[in-house]
Protein backbone atom coordinates (compact mmCIF):
# COMPACT_ATOMS: atom_id res chain seq x y z
CA UNK A 1 0.00 0.00 0.00
CA UNK A 2 2.87 2.40 0.83
CA UNK A 3 4.32 1.71 -2.64
CA UNK A 4 1.00 2.57 -4.32
CA UNK A 5 0.64 5.78 -2.32
CA UNK A 6 4.21 6.85 -3.11
CA UNK A 7 3.62 6.14 -6.83
CA UNK A 8 0.45 8.28 -6.84
CA UNK A 9 2.36 11.09 -5.12
CA UNK A 10 5.26 10.75 -7.58
CA UNK A 11 2.93 10.90 -10.58
CA UNK A 12 1.23 13.98 -9.13
CA UNK A 13 4.57 15.65 -8.51
CA UNK A 14 5.86 14.89 -12.00
CA UNK A 15 2.60 16.00 -13.61
CA UNK A 16 2.80 19.31 -11.75
CA UNK A 17 6.42 19.77 -12.83
CA UNK A 18 5.56 19.13 -16.48
CA UNK A 19 7.78 21.09 -18.84
CA UNK A 20 7.63 24.29 -16.83
CA UNK A 21 10.36 23.49 -14.28
CA UNK A 22 13.91 23.51 -15.64
CA UNK A 23 16.01 20.42 -15.17
CA UNK A 24 18.38 20.45 -12.24
CA UNK A 25 21.97 20.38 -13.35
CA UNK A 26 23.67 18.32 -10.71
CA UNK A 27 26.27 15.70 -9.94
CA UNK A 28 23.87 14.04 -7.49
CA UNK A 29 23.57 10.29 -7.84
CA UNK A 30 20.51 8.86 -9.57
CA UNK A 31 18.57 6.97 -6.90
CA UNK A 32 15.52 6.07 -8.98
CA UNK A 33 14.15 6.18 -12.51
CA UNK A 34 10.48 6.84 -13.19
CA UNK A 35 8.98 6.10 -16.61
CA UNK A 36 5.50 7.38 -17.39
CA UNK A 37 4.49 5.36 -20.44
CA UNK A 38 1.44 7.40 -21.41
CA UNK A 39 3.46 10.61 -21.39
CA UNK A 40 6.47 8.93 -23.08
CA UNK A 41 8.72 10.46 -20.41
CA UNK A 42 11.53 9.18 -18.24
CA UNK A 43 12.78 10.98 -15.14
CA UNK A 44 16.13 10.43 -13.46
CA UNK A 45 15.60 11.15 -9.79
CA UNK A 46 17.69 11.84 -6.70
CA UNK A 47 15.21 11.32 -3.87
CA UNK A 48 12.30 13.61 -4.80
CA UNK A 49 14.41 15.84 -7.08
CA UNK A 50 14.18 15.50 -10.85
CA UNK A 51 17.76 15.54 -12.17
CA UNK A 52 16.95 14.99 -15.86
CA UNK A 53 13.90 14.37 -18.03
CA UNK A 54 13.92 12.48 -21.34
CA UNK A 55 11.42 11.70 -24.07
CA UNK A 56 11.20 7.96 -24.75
CA UNK A 57 9.86 5.46 -27.25
CA UNK A 58 8.39 2.17 -26.09
CA UNK A 59 7.47 -1.23 -27.45
CA UNK A 60 5.43 -1.37 -30.66
CA UNK A 61 2.31 -2.29 -28.60
CA UNK A 62 2.80 0.21 -25.77
CA UNK A 63 -0.51 -0.13 -23.89
CA UNK A 64 -0.58 -2.49 -20.93
CA UNK A 65 1.96 -4.57 -19.07
CA UNK A 66 4.22 -7.00 -20.89
CA UNK A 67 2.68 -10.47 -20.56
CA UNK A 68 4.58 -12.69 -22.98
CA UNK A 69 7.55 -12.87 -25.29
CA UNK A 70 6.86 -11.12 -28.59
CA UNK A 71 3.85 -9.10 -27.43
CA UNK A 72 5.64 -5.79 -28.13
CA UNK A 73 4.71 -4.33 -24.74
CA UNK A 74 6.98 -2.52 -22.32
CA UNK A 75 6.70 -3.93 -18.78
CA UNK A 76 5.01 -2.00 -15.96
CA UNK A 77 6.03 -2.21 -12.32
CA UNK A 78 9.08 -1.91 -10.12
CA UNK A 79 12.34 -3.37 -11.40
CA UNK A 80 16.06 -2.58 -11.05
CA UNK A 81 18.88 -1.76 -13.42
CA UNK A 82 20.78 -5.04 -13.34
CA UNK A 83 23.38 -4.89 -16.13
CA UNK A 84 25.29 -2.53 -18.40
CA UNK A 85 26.14 -3.24 -22.03
CA UNK A 86 28.74 -0.91 -23.58
CA UNK A 87 28.76 -3.06 -26.76
CA UNK A 88 25.01 -3.00 -27.42
CA UNK A 89 23.72 -3.03 -31.00
CA UNK A 90 21.61 -0.10 -29.78
CA UNK A 91 24.54 2.21 -28.98
CA UNK A 92 24.63 1.65 -25.18
CA UNK A 93 22.12 -0.13 -22.95
CA UNK A 94 21.08 -0.59 -19.34
CA UNK A 95 19.34 -3.86 -18.49
CA UNK A 96 16.03 -3.92 -16.64
CA UNK A 97 15.38 -6.86 -14.30
CA UNK A 98 12.26 -8.03 -16.18
CA UNK A 99 10.93 -10.71 -15.82
CA UNK A 100 10.45 -10.98 -12.07
CA UNK A 101 8.85 -13.90 -10.25
CA UNK A 102 5.29 -12.59 -10.78
CA UNK A 103 5.95 -11.99 -14.50
CA UNK A 104 7.23 -15.56 -14.93
CA UNK A 105 4.27 -17.03 -13.01
CA UNK A 106 1.72 -15.10 -15.07
CA UNK A 107 3.30 -16.06 -18.39
CA UNK A 108 3.36 -19.69 -17.30
CA UNK A 109 -0.32 -19.50 -16.31
CA UNK A 110 -1.24 -18.49 -19.85
CA UNK A 111 1.08 -21.05 -21.43
CA UNK A 112 3.63 -18.51 -22.65
CA UNK A 113 7.23 -17.49 -22.00
CA UNK A 114 7.61 -14.06 -20.36
CA UNK A 115 10.34 -12.82 -22.68
CA UNK A 116 13.33 -10.88 -21.43
CA UNK A 117 16.24 -8.71 -22.51
CA UNK A 118 14.39 -5.50 -21.70
CA UNK A 119 16.69 -2.47 -21.75
CA UNK A 120 16.90 1.29 -21.77
CA UNK A 121 18.89 1.88 -24.96
CA UNK A 122 19.74 4.18 -27.84
CA UNK A 123 19.06 3.54 -31.51
CA UNK A 124 20.45 0.76 -33.66
CA UNK A 125 23.84 1.79 -34.98
CA UNK A 126 24.59 3.91 -36.95
CA UNK A 127 21.17 5.57 -36.78
CA UNK A 128 19.76 7.74 -34.04
CA UNK A 129 16.25 7.93 -32.61
CA UNK A 130 13.85 6.07 -34.91
CA UNK A 131 10.43 7.44 -34.03
CA UNK A 132 7.33 6.42 -32.17
CA UNK A 133 7.21 3.13 -30.29
CA UNK A 134 9.38 0.85 -32.37
CA UNK A 135 11.14 -1.44 -29.88
CA UNK A 136 10.25 -5.03 -28.98
CA UNK A 137 9.43 -3.88 -25.43
CA UNK A 138 12.42 -1.77 -24.43
CA UNK A 139 12.63 1.93 -23.57
CA UNK A 140 14.50 3.87 -26.25
CA UNK A 141 16.08 7.32 -26.15
CA UNK A 142 18.38 9.14 -28.55
CA UNK A 143 22.00 8.03 -28.73
CA UNK A 144 23.07 11.34 -27.19
CA UNK A 145 20.64 10.83 -24.29
CA UNK A 146 21.69 7.22 -23.59
CA UNK A 147 25.30 8.38 -23.25
CA UNK A 148 24.28 10.75 -20.45
CA UNK A 149 21.90 8.23 -18.83
CA UNK A 150 24.51 5.44 -19.01
CA UNK A 151 27.03 7.66 -17.22
CA UNK A 152 24.58 8.66 -14.46
CA UNK A 153 22.75 5.44 -13.56
CA UNK A 154 24.48 2.87 -11.34
CA UNK A 155 23.65 -0.82 -11.17
CA UNK A 156 20.91 -1.54 -8.65
CA UNK A 157 18.99 1.65 -9.37
CA UNK A 158 15.22 1.17 -8.96
CA UNK A 159 13.12 1.80 -12.06
CA UNK A 160 9.37 2.32 -11.72
CA UNK A 161 7.59 1.90 -15.06
CA UNK A 162 4.06 3.27 -14.80
CA UNK A 163 1.14 3.22 -17.26
């Protein structure tokens, strides 16, 4: 319940901030990432402070939570950044800990595999940002943006992906 209340408060805070508040230029550590799928926005946070805001593209079927491999959806829920790939085909990438235990159990209950290899990444080399919702379920930003994100986000960072 505390998690749900904090998510509602975070969404309210980020909605109020919108585009009107300038980004904070800071060397503060990123303690959390919030992705608002409907708004196609990602926020790098230090506590309750927005450090950076980025526009994102999602999976080719962006509505709803990822249920099975190949469904084109971007997961929703709380995960962590669990790996870094400096040699990604998509410029640079940060791995998201999808699927979790609940994701695996649900996929099994519907006779499917949950899929995996969900990342925050840039565009396929040598191109840059491709356009609206083109990934297989990942979160994509421009190559320039992933360079900054990659340098700011440590392993273990919580990522909340919200509808």
